Amino acid sequence: MADDDGNGYLRIGELARRTGLTVRALHHYDALGLLVPAQRSFSGRRLYSDGDVRRLYRVVALRRIGMSLAEIGRALDAGGADIAAAVTRQVDQLDAEIRERVALRDRLVAISDGLANENAPSVDDYLQAIERTLTMEMEKHFTPEQLDQLEQRRERLGEQAIKDVEDEWPRLFAAMQAARDRGAAPEDPEPQRVAARMRELIAMFHGGDEGLKAAQTSVWEDTPREEMVAMLKRQGIEDAEARIPTPELNAFCERAHAACGGC
């Protein structure tokens, strides 16, 4: 146990500032056992050692080449034995992505040529271009197997249930924002009620699968809000802004989830 001055250690806020990572991401790494701080202060604050910083460097480097957090944890715990296999899988995934991007480029060139020659592209051309774009955005975070899992879950739940869930999220965010505007604390009954329902909807998405849960978390951690809003708008969702919380509201929601204790 170190003193609250953190002598010789980096506090989590300083580590986040100096690396460009978010405090939320560092909390997530700690929860996964991927980067557990070497020390805690007397008041419980996380304190990171030089060794922790070196491990974080490896985590970030491996994340940049596309390894999942679960793969990174296994690789580091095994002393690097799994890294070569993970890199090989990533090369295969990149090859597949390159093929997808080439196909999308060819489709867009065909649309562009048609417009230039006053030969209107077919509806099928536009639909295929949209489909390929959305597919590639999803594959940044989910493996092909996970996308298959999501499709199977979608089929089991049914389109109406999926739509009902999607339409409920803006109402939940609005309720949480209203509670925050009223000055409610994250642990107050109303934010806790809304947060509990949010967890239910999230559980419907991943179905208890830790891989899907981690991939879903990576989407929120790695994708700027403006990109998520733009992606929804490209799908024709008019209230896209209401479906993606602001960083301030998201932080309030995170505190509400944390305040629920072991739920």
C-alpha atoms as a PDB file:
ATOM      1  CA  MET A   1       0.000   0.000   0.000  1.00  0.00           C
ATOM      2  CA  ALA A   2       1.431   3.361  -1.048  1.00  0.00           C
ATOM      3  CA  ASP A   3       0.736   6.793   0.352  1.00  0.00           C
ATOM      4  CA  ASP A   4      -1.721   9.103  -1.399  1.00  0.00           C
ATOM      5  CA  ASP A   5       1.088  11.160  -2.902  1.00  0.00           C
ATOM      6  CA  GLY A   6       1.816   8.216  -5.198  1.00  0.00           C
ATOM      7  CA  ASN A   7       5.560   8.752  -4.987  1.00  0.00           C
ATOM      8  CA  GLY A   8       7.268   6.721  -7.707  1.00  0.00           C
ATOM      9  CA  TYR A   9       3.953   5.790  -9.327  1.00  0.00           C
ATOM     10  CA  LEU A  10       1.581   7.273 -11.883  1.00  0.00           C
ATOM     11  CA  ARG A  11      -2.003   7.951 -10.908  1.00  0.00           C
ATOM     12  CA  ILE A  12      -4.642   6.806 -13.359  1.00  0.00           C
ATOM     13  CA  GLY A  13      -5.493  10.335 -14.498  1.00  0.00           C
ATOM     14  CA  GLU A  14      -1.872  11.118 -15.274  1.00  0.00           C
ATOM     15  CA  LEU A  15      -1.389   7.802 -17.074  1.00  0.00           C
ATOM     16  CA  ALA A  16      -4.474   8.491 -19.166  1.00  0.00           C
ATOM     17  CA  ARG A  17      -3.314  12.025 -19.989  1.00  0.00           C
ATOM     18  CA  ARG A  18       0.206  10.968 -20.959  1.00  0.00           C
ATOM     19  CA  THR A  19      -0.863   7.999 -23.099  1.00  0.00           C
ATOM     20  CA  GLY A  20      -3.981   9.437 -24.708  1.00  0.00           C
ATOM     21  CA  LEU A  21      -6.091   6.573 -23.374  1.00  0.00           C
ATOM     22  CA  THR A  22      -9.274   7.214 -21.440  1.00  0.00           C
ATOM     23  CA  VAL A  23      -9.656   6.565 -17.728  1.00  0.00           C
ATOM     24  CA  ARG A  24     -12.605   4.385 -18.711  1.00  0.00           C
ATOM     25  CA  ALA A  25     -10.361   2.209 -20.874  1.00  0.00           C
ATOM     26  CA  LEU A  26      -7.845   1.804 -18.038  1.00  0.00           C
ATOM     27  CA  HIS A  27     -10.659   0.848 -15.655  1.00  0.00           C
ATOM     28  CA  HIS A  28     -11.801  -1.714 -18.232  1.00  0.00           C
ATOM     29  CA  TYR A  29      -8.293  -3.161 -18.568  1.00  0.00           C
ATOM     30  CA  ASP A  30      -8.120  -3.474 -14.788  1.00  0.00           C
ATOM     31  CA  ALA A  31     -11.513  -5.215 -14.612  1.00  0.00           C
ATOM     32  CA  LEU A  32     -10.351  -7.724 -17.241  1.00  0.00           C
ATOM     33  CA  GLY A  33      -7.101  -8.374 -15.375  1.00  0.00           C
ATOM     34  CA  LEU A  34      -5.238  -7.078 -18.399  1.00  0.00           C
ATOM     35  CA  LEU A  35      -3.518  -4.215 -16.584  1.00  0.00           C
ATOM     36  CA  VAL A  36      -3.886  -4.409 -12.819  1.00  0.00           C
ATOM     37  CA  PRO A  37      -2.066  -1.502 -11.117  1.00  0.00           C
ATOM     38  CA  ALA A  38       0.899  -2.478  -8.998  1.00  0.00           C
ATOM     39  CA  GLN A  39      -0.294  -0.487  -6.003  1.00  0.00           C
ATOM     40  CA  ARG A  40      -3.288   1.180  -4.438  1.00  0.00           C
ATOM     41  CA  SER A  41      -3.029   4.265  -2.289  1.00  0.00           C
ATOM     42  CA  PHE A  42      -4.417   4.343   1.240  1.00  0.00           C
ATOM     43  CA  SER A  43      -7.576   5.879  -0.199  1.00  0.00           C
ATOM     44  CA  GLY A  44      -7.869   3.175  -2.872  1.00  0.00           C
ATOM     45  CA  ARG A  45      -6.557   5.099  -5.873  1.00  0.00           C
ATOM     46  CA  ARG A  46      -4.872   3.126  -8.629  1.00  0.00           C
ATOM     47  CA  LEU A  47      -1.104   3.644  -8.840  1.00  0.00           C
ATOM     48  CA  TYR A  48       0.882   2.373 -11.835  1.00  0.00           C
ATOM     49  CA  SER A  49       4.539   1.340 -11.776  1.00  0.00           C
ATOM     50  CA  ASP A  50       7.157   1.439 -14.552  1.00  0.00           C
ATOM     51  CA  GLY A  51       6.422  -2.243 -15.150  1.00  0.00           C
ATOM     52  CA  ASP A  52       2.731  -1.463 -15.559  1.00  0.00           C
ATOM     53  CA  VAL A  53       3.571   1.182 -18.157  1.00  0.00           C
ATOM     54  CA  ARG A  54       5.708  -1.322 -20.089  1.00  0.00           C
ATOM     55  CA  ARG A  55       2.855  -3.840 -20.028  1.00  0.00           C
ATOM     56  CA  LEU A  56       0.425  -1.149 -21.170  1.00  0.00           C
ATOM     57  CA  TYR A  57       2.719  -0.401 -24.103  1.00  0.00           C
ATOM     58  CA  ARG A  58       2.469  -4.039 -25.182  1.00  0.00           C
ATOM     59  CA  VAL A  59      -1.301  -4.013 -24.739  1.00  0.00           C
ATOM     60  CA  VAL A  60      -1.675  -0.922 -26.919  1.00  0.00           C
ATOM     61  CA  ALA A  61       0.757  -2.239 -29.561  1.00  0.00           C
ATOM     62  CA  LEU A  62      -1.074  -5.551 -29.833  1.00  0.00           C
ATOM     63  CA  ARG A  63      -4.447  -3.783 -29.872  1.00  0.00           C
ATOM     64  CA  ARG A  64      -3.255  -1.681 -32.792  1.00  0.00           C
ATOM     65  CA  ILE A  65      -2.650  -4.771 -34.929  1.00  0.00           C
ATOM     66  CA  GLY A  66      -6.185  -5.906 -34.275  1.00  0.00           C
ATOM     67  CA  MET A  67      -5.869  -8.448 -31.479  1.00  0.00           C
ATOM     68  CA  SER A  68      -8.850  -8.673 -29.158  1.00  0.00           C
ATOM     69  CA  LEU A  69      -8.391  -7.860 -25.494  1.00  0.00           C
ATOM     70  CA  ALA A  70      -8.962 -11.528 -24.643  1.00  0.00           C
ATOM     71  CA  GLU A  71      -6.225 -12.573 -27.095  1.00  0.00           C
ATOM     72  CA  ILE A  72      -3.864  -9.958 -25.692  1.00  0.00           C
ATOM     73  CA  GLY A  73      -4.431 -11.184 -22.150  1.00  0.00           C
ATOM     74  CA  ARG A  74      -3.726 -14.783 -23.122  1.00  0.00           C
ATOM     75  CA  ALA A  75      -0.640 -13.780 -25.102  1.00  0.00           C
ATOM     76  CA  LEU A  76       0.866 -11.719 -22.293  1.00  0.00           C
ATOM     77  CA  ASP A  77       0.082 -14.338 -19.660  1.00  0.00           C
ATOM     78  CA  ALA A  78       1.720 -16.990 -21.844  1.00  0.00           C
ATOM     79  CA  GLY A  79       4.844 -14.889 -22.245  1.00  0.00           C
ATOM     80  CA  GLY A  80       4.122 -14.151 -25.896  1.00  0.00           C
ATOM     81  CA  ALA A  81       3.583 -17.720 -27.066  1.00  0.00           C
ATOM     82  CA  ASP A  82       0.192 -16.916 -28.599  1.00  0.00           C
ATOM     83  CA  ILE A  83       1.268 -13.724 -30.349  1.00  0.00           C
ATOM     84  CA  ALA A  84       2.521 -15.370 -33.559  1.00  0.00           C
ATOM     85  CA  ALA A  85      -0.743 -17.269 -34.050  1.00  0.00           C
ATOM     86  CA  ALA A  86      -2.748 -14.135 -33.309  1.00  0.00           C
ATOM     87  CA  VAL A  87      -0.714 -12.121 -35.812  1.00  0.00           C
ATOM     88  CA  THR A  88      -1.297 -14.822 -38.448  1.00  0.00           C
ATOM     89  CA  ARG A  89      -5.045 -14.630 -37.824  1.00  0.00           C
ATOM     90  CA  GLN A  90      -4.879 -10.861 -38.124  1.00  0.00           C
ATOM     91  CA  VAL A  91      -3.073 -11.138 -41.470  1.00  0.00           C
ATOM     92  CA  ASP A  92      -5.871 -13.423 -42.700  1.00  0.00           C
ATOM     93  CA  GLN A  93      -8.484 -10.932 -41.504  1.00  0.00           C
ATOM     94  CA  LEU A  94      -6.662  -8.055 -43.213  1.00  0.00           C
ATOM     95  CA  ASP A  95      -6.503 -10.038 -46.459  1.00  0.00           C
ATOM     96  CA  ALA A  96     -10.259 -10.525 -46.264  1.00  0.00           C
ATOM     97  CA  GLU A  97     -10.750  -6.827 -45.497  1.00  0.00           C
ATOM     98  CA  ILE A  98      -8.573  -5.854 -48.472  1.00  0.00           C
ATOM     99  CA  ARG A  99     -10.715  -8.009 -50.743  1.00  0.00           C
ATOM    100  CA  GLU A 100     -13.834  -6.352 -49.339  1.00  0.00           C
ATOM    101  CA  ARG A 101     -12.396  -2.869 -49.848  1.00  0.00           C
ATOM    102  CA  VAL A 102     -11.341  -3.651 -53.420  1.00  0.00           C
ATOM    103  CA  ALA A 103     -14.843  -4.933 -54.151  1.00  0.00           C
ATOM    104  CA  LEU A 104     -16.341  -1.800 -52.605  1.00  0.00           C
ATOM    105  CA  ARG A 105     -13.982   0.416 -54.597  1.00  0.00           C
ATOM    106  CA  ASP A 106     -14.970  -1.354 -57.820  1.00  0.00           C
ATOM    107  CA  ARG A 107     -18.630  -0.884 -56.999  1.00  0.00           C
ATOM    108  CA  LEU A 108     -18.168   2.839 -56.212  1.00  0.00           C
ATOM    109  CA  VAL A 109     -16.128   3.360 -59.393  1.00  0.00           C
ATOM    110  CA  ALA A 110     -18.947   1.777 -61.369  1.00  0.00           C
ATOM    111  CA  ILE A 111     -21.447   4.119 -59.704  1.00  0.00           C
ATOM    112  CA  SER A 112     -19.191   7.119 -60.352  1.00  0.00           C
ATOM    113  CA  ASP A 113     -18.692   6.176 -64.005  1.00  0.00           C
ATOM    114  CA  GLY A 114     -22.405   5.736 -64.443  1.00  0.00           C
ATOM    115  CA  LEU A 115     -23.119   9.178 -62.998  1.00  0.00           C
ATOM    116  CA  ALA A 116     -20.415  10.792 -65.137  1.00  0.00           C
ATOM    117  CA  ASN A 117     -21.871   9.233 -68.287  1.00  0.00           C
ATOM    118  CA  GLU A 118     -25.432  10.176 -67.285  1.00  0.00           C
ATOM    119  CA  ASN A 119     -26.107   6.462 -66.972  1.00  0.00           C
ATOM    120  CA  ALA A 120     -27.847   6.211 -63.605  1.00  0.00           C
ATOM    121  CA  PRO A 121     -26.563   3.341 -61.445  1.00  0.00           C
ATOM    122  CA  SER A 122     -29.105   0.719 -60.522  1.00  0.00           C
ATOM    123  CA  VAL A 123     -30.681   0.457 -57.110  1.00  0.00           C
ATOM    124  CA  ASP A 124     -28.769  -2.808 -56.710  1.00  0.00           C
ATOM    125  CA  ASP A 125     -25.473  -0.936 -57.179  1.00  0.00           C
ATOM    126  CA  TYR A 126     -26.337   1.443 -54.357  1.00  0.00           C
ATOM    127  CA  LEU A 127     -27.571  -1.333 -52.057  1.00  0.00           C
ATOM    128  CA  GLN A 128     -24.421  -3.398 -52.541  1.00  0.00           C
ATOM    129  CA  ALA A 129     -22.211  -0.374 -51.865  1.00  0.00           C
ATOM    130  CA  ILE A 130     -24.096   0.419 -48.651  1.00  0.00           C
ATOM    131  CA  GLU A 131     -24.006  -3.212 -47.541  1.00  0.00           C
ATOM    132  CA  ARG A 132     -20.245  -3.501 -48.051  1.00  0.00           C
ATOM    133  CA  THR A 133     -19.585  -0.227 -46.211  1.00  0.00           C
ATOM    134  CA  LEU A 134     -21.617  -1.249 -43.168  1.00  0.00           C
ATOM    135  CA  THR A 135     -20.103  -4.736 -43.156  1.00  0.00           C
ATOM    136  CA  MET A 136     -16.557  -3.361 -43.060  1.00  0.00           C
ATOM    137  CA  GLU A 137     -17.413  -0.984 -40.222  1.00  0.00           C
ATOM    138  CA  MET A 138     -18.758  -3.888 -38.158  1.00  0.00           C
ATOM    139  CA  GLU A 139     -15.752  -6.093 -38.936  1.00  0.00           C
ATOM    140  CA  LYS A 140     -13.441  -3.547 -37.332  1.00  0.00           C
ATOM    141  CA  HIS A 141     -14.663  -4.811 -33.965  1.00  0.00           C
ATOM    142  CA  PHE A 142     -16.341  -8.192 -34.482  1.00  0.00           C
ATOM    143  CA  THR A 143     -14.868 -11.392 -35.884  1.00  0.00           C
ATOM    144  CA  PRO A 144     -16.784 -13.218 -38.660  1.00  0.00           C
ATOM    145  CA  GLU A 145     -17.827 -15.815 -36.078  1.00  0.00           C
ATOM    146  CA  GLN A 146     -19.180 -13.117 -33.783  1.00  0.00           C
ATOM    147  CA  LEU A 147     -21.093 -11.512 -36.648  1.00  0.00           C
ATOM    148  CA  ASP A 148     -22.647 -14.913 -37.321  1.00  0.00           C
ATOM    149  CA  GLN A 149     -23.583 -15.159 -33.640  1.00  0.00           C
ATOM    150  CA  LEU A 150     -25.222 -11.742 -33.771  1.00  0.00           C
ATOM    151  CA  GLU A 151     -27.162 -12.686 -36.882  1.00  0.00           C
ATOM    152  CA  GLN A 152     -28.382 -15.882 -35.220  1.00  0.00           C
ATOM    153  CA  ARG A 153     -29.447 -13.932 -32.134  1.00  0.00           C
ATOM    154  CA  ARG A 154     -31.232 -11.438 -34.354  1.00  0.00           C
ATOM    155  CA  GLU A 155     -33.154 -14.249 -36.020  1.00  0.00           C
ATOM    156  CA  ARG A 156     -34.111 -15.781 -32.668  1.00  0.00           C
ATOM    157  CA  LEU A 157     -35.281 -12.483 -31.204  1.00  0.00           C
ATOM    158  CA  GLY A 158     -37.136 -11.370 -34.321  1.00  0.00           C
ATOM    159  CA  GLU A 159     -37.082  -8.059 -36.166  1.00  0.00           C
ATOM    160  CA  GLN A 160     -39.848  -6.467 -34.091  1.00  0.00           C
ATOM    161  CA  ALA A 161     -38.072  -7.209 -30.811  1.00  0.00           C
ATOM    162  CA  ILE A 162     -34.843  -5.773 -32.228  1.00  0.00           C
ATOM    163  CA  LYS A 163     -36.657  -2.617 -33.345  1.00  0.00           C
ATOM    164  CA  ASP A 164     -38.328  -2.244 -29.951  1.00  0.00           C
ATOM    165  CA  VAL A 165     -34.941  -2.433 -28.212  1.00  0.00           C
ATOM    166  CA  GLU A 166     -33.358   0.047 -30.620  1.00  0.00           C
ATOM    167  CA  ASP A 167     -36.229   2.470 -30.074  1.00  0.00           C
ATOM    168  CA  GLU A 168     -36.003   2.124 -26.282  1.00  0.00           C
ATOM    169  CA  TRP A 169     -32.385   3.332 -26.044  1.00  0.00           C
ATOM    170  CA  PRO A 170     -33.150   7.007 -26.877  1.00  0.00           C
ATOM    171  CA  ARG A 171     -35.851   7.016 -24.193  1.00  0.00           C
ATOM    172  CA  LEU A 172     -33.446   5.578 -21.615  1.00  0.00           C
ATOM    173  CA  PHE A 173     -30.750   8.118 -22.473  1.00  0.00           C
ATOM    174  CA  ALA A 174     -33.338  10.915 -22.280  1.00  0.00           C
ATOM    175  CA  ALA A 175     -34.485   9.693 -18.851  1.00  0.00           C
ATOM    176  CA  MET A 176     -30.905   9.533 -17.601  1.00  0.00           C
ATOM    177  CA  GLN A 177     -30.191  13.033 -18.973  1.00  0.00           C
ATOM    178  CA  ALA A 178     -33.328  14.381 -17.276  1.00  0.00           C
ATOM    179  CA  ALA A 179     -32.232  12.856 -13.956  1.00  0.00           C
ATOM    180  CA  ARG A 180     -28.775  14.364 -14.378  1.00  0.00           C
ATOM    181  CA  ASP A 181     -30.254  17.777 -15.222  1.00  0.00           C
ATOM    182  CA  ARG A 182     -32.350  17.631 -12.052  1.00  0.00           C
ATOM    183  CA  GLY A 183     -29.185  17.158 -10.049  1.00  0.00           C
ATOM    184  CA  ALA A 184     -29.761  13.495  -9.223  1.00  0.00           C
ATOM    185  CA  ALA A 185     -26.780  11.498  -8.061  1.00  0.00           C
ATOM    186  CA  PRO A 186     -25.838   8.322  -9.997  1.00  0.00           C
ATOM    187  CA  GLU A 187     -26.805   6.171  -7.000  1.00  0.00           C
ATOM    188  CA  ASP A 188     -30.293   7.728  -6.678  1.00  0.00           C
ATOM    189  CA  PRO A 189     -33.320   5.498  -7.396  1.00  0.00           C
ATOM    190  CA  GLU A 190     -34.226   6.892 -10.834  1.00  0.00           C
ATOM    191  CA  PRO A 191     -30.735   6.651 -12.400  1.00  0.00           C
ATOM    192  CA  GLN A 192     -30.418   3.184 -10.853  1.00  0.00           C
ATOM    193  CA  ARG A 193     -33.736   2.096 -12.373  1.00  0.00           C
ATOM    194  CA  VAL A 194     -32.701   3.322 -15.823  1.00  0.00           C
ATOM    195  CA  ALA A 195     -29.213   1.813 -15.509  1.00  0.00           C
ATOM    196  CA  ALA A 196     -30.724  -1.562 -14.581  1.00  0.00           C
ATOM    197  CA  ARG A 197     -32.833  -1.527 -17.740  1.00  0.00           C
ATOM    198  CA  MET A 198     -29.779  -0.564 -19.794  1.00  0.00           C
ATOM    199  CA  ARG A 199     -27.929  -3.599 -18.450  1.00  0.00           C
ATOM    200  CA  GLU A 200     -30.871  -5.803 -19.404  1.00  0.00           C
ATOM    201  CA  LEU A 201     -30.762  -4.535 -22.998  1.00  0.00           C
ATOM    202  CA  ILE A 202     -26.982  -4.960 -23.181  1.00  0.00           C
ATOM    203  CA  ALA A 203     -27.346  -8.528 -21.916  1.00  0.00           C
ATOM    204  CA  MET A 204     -29.907  -9.178 -24.658  1.00  0.00           C
ATOM    205  CA  PHE A 205     -27.238  -8.135 -27.161  1.00  0.00           C
ATOM    206  CA  HIS A 206     -24.356 -10.325 -25.995  1.00  0.00           C
ATOM    207  CA  GLY A 207     -26.369 -13.116 -24.367  1.00  0.00           C
ATOM    208  CA  GLY A 208     -23.692 -13.656 -21.738  1.00  0.00           C
ATOM    209  CA  ASP A 209     -20.968 -14.259 -24.320  1.00  0.00           C
ATOM    210  CA  GLU A 210     -17.807 -12.616 -22.972  1.00  0.00           C
ATOM    211  CA  GLY A 211     -16.305 -12.251 -26.456  1.00  0.00           C
ATOM    212  CA  LEU A 212     -19.321 -10.349 -27.756  1.00  0.00           C
ATOM    213  CA  LYS A 213     -19.407  -8.293 -24.574  1.00  0.00           C
ATOM    214  CA  ALA A 214     -15.744  -7.320 -25.011  1.00  0.00           C
ATOM    215  CA  ALA A 215     -16.260  -6.493 -28.701  1.00  0.00           C
ATOM    216  CA  GLN A 216     -19.268  -4.349 -27.854  1.00  0.00           C
ATOM    217  CA  THR A 217     -17.201  -2.506 -25.243  1.00  0.00           C
ATOM    218  CA  SER A 218     -14.420  -1.930 -27.781  1.00  0.00           C
ATOM    219  CA  VAL A 219     -16.893  -0.292 -30.163  1.00  0.00           C
ATOM    220  CA  TRP A 220     -17.800   2.280 -27.497  1.00  0.00           C
ATOM    221  CA  GLU A 221     -14.186   2.759 -26.420  1.00  0.00           C
ATOM    222  CA  ASP A 222     -12.610   3.035 -29.871  1.00  0.00           C
ATOM    223  CA  THR A 223     -15.259   4.836 -31.927  1.00  0.00           C
ATOM    224  CA  PRO A 224     -15.677   8.609 -31.556  1.00  0.00           C
ATOM    225  CA  ARG A 225     -19.263   9.681 -30.953  1.00  0.00           C
ATOM    226  CA  GLU A 226     -19.417  11.645 -34.202  1.00  0.00           C
ATOM    227  CA  GLU A 227     -18.463   8.537 -36.180  1.00  0.00           C
ATOM    228  CA  MET A 228     -21.151   6.462 -34.483  1.00  0.00           C
ATOM    229  CA  VAL A 229     -23.750   9.133 -35.169  1.00  0.00           C
ATOM    230  CA  ALA A 230     -22.627   9.371 -38.811  1.00  0.00           C
ATOM    231  CA  MET A 231     -22.851   5.594 -39.203  1.00  0.00           C
ATOM    232  CA  LEU A 232     -26.427   5.572 -37.911  1.00  0.00           C
ATOM    233  CA  LYS A 233     -27.356   8.444 -40.204  1.00  0.00           C
ATOM    234  CA  ARG A 234     -25.962   6.507 -43.169  1.00  0.00           C
ATOM    235  CA  GLN A 235     -28.399   3.771 -42.191  1.00  0.00           C
ATOM    236  CA  GLY A 236     -31.234   6.279 -42.474  1.00  0.00           C
ATOM    237  CA  ILE A 237     -31.816   6.656 -38.714  1.00  0.00           C
ATOM    238  CA  GLU A 238     -33.150  10.170 -38.255  1.00  0.00           C
ATOM    239  CA  ASP A 239     -32.758  10.399 -34.460  1.00  0.00           C
ATOM    240  CA  ALA A 240     -29.137   9.214 -34.534  1.00  0.00           C
ATOM    241  CA  GLU A 241     -28.018  11.973 -32.157  1.00  0.00           C
ATOM    242  CA  ALA A 242     -30.455  10.781 -29.496  1.00  0.00           C
ATOM    243  CA  ARG A 243     -29.205   7.188 -29.735  1.00  0.00           C
ATOM    244  CA  ILE A 244     -25.549   7.965 -28.923  1.00  0.00           C
ATOM    245  CA  PRO A 245     -24.954   9.668 -25.560  1.00  0.00           C
ATOM    246  CA  THR A 246     -22.621  12.607 -25.173  1.00  0.00           C
ATOM    247  CA  PRO A 247     -19.359  11.922 -23.298  1.00  0.00           C
ATOM    248  CA  GLU A 248     -20.784  13.724 -20.255  1.00  0.00           C
ATOM    249  CA  LEU A 249     -23.969  11.651 -20.230  1.00  0.00           C
ATOM    250  CA  ASN A 250     -22.011   8.472 -20.887  1.00  0.00           C
ATOM    251  CA  ALA A 251     -19.801   9.213 -17.874  1.00  0.00           C
ATOM    252  CA  PHE A 252     -22.910   9.707 -15.731  1.00  0.00           C
ATOM    253  CA  CYS A 253     -24.305   6.382 -16.942  1.00  0.00           C
ATOM    254  CA  GLU A 254     -20.995   4.673 -16.136  1.00  0.00           C
ATOM    255  CA  ARG A 255     -21.115   6.056 -12.592  1.00  0.00           C
ATOM    256  CA  ALA A 256     -24.697   4.827 -12.225  1.00  0.00           C
ATOM    257  CA  HIS A 257     -23.641   1.331 -13.302  1.00  0.00           C
ATOM    258  CA  ALA A 258     -20.676   1.401 -10.924  1.00  0.00           C
ATOM    259  CA  ALA A 259     -22.914   2.529  -8.043  1.00  0.00           C
ATOM    260  CA  CYS A 260     -25.066  -0.564  -8.300  1.00  0.00           C
ATOM    261  CA  GLY A 261     -22.439  -2.605  -6.462  1.00  0.00           C
ATOM    262  CA  GLY A 262     -22.238  -6.206  -7.599  1.00  0.00           C
ATOM    263  CA  CYS A 263     -25.157  -6.121 -10.031  1.00  0.00           C
END
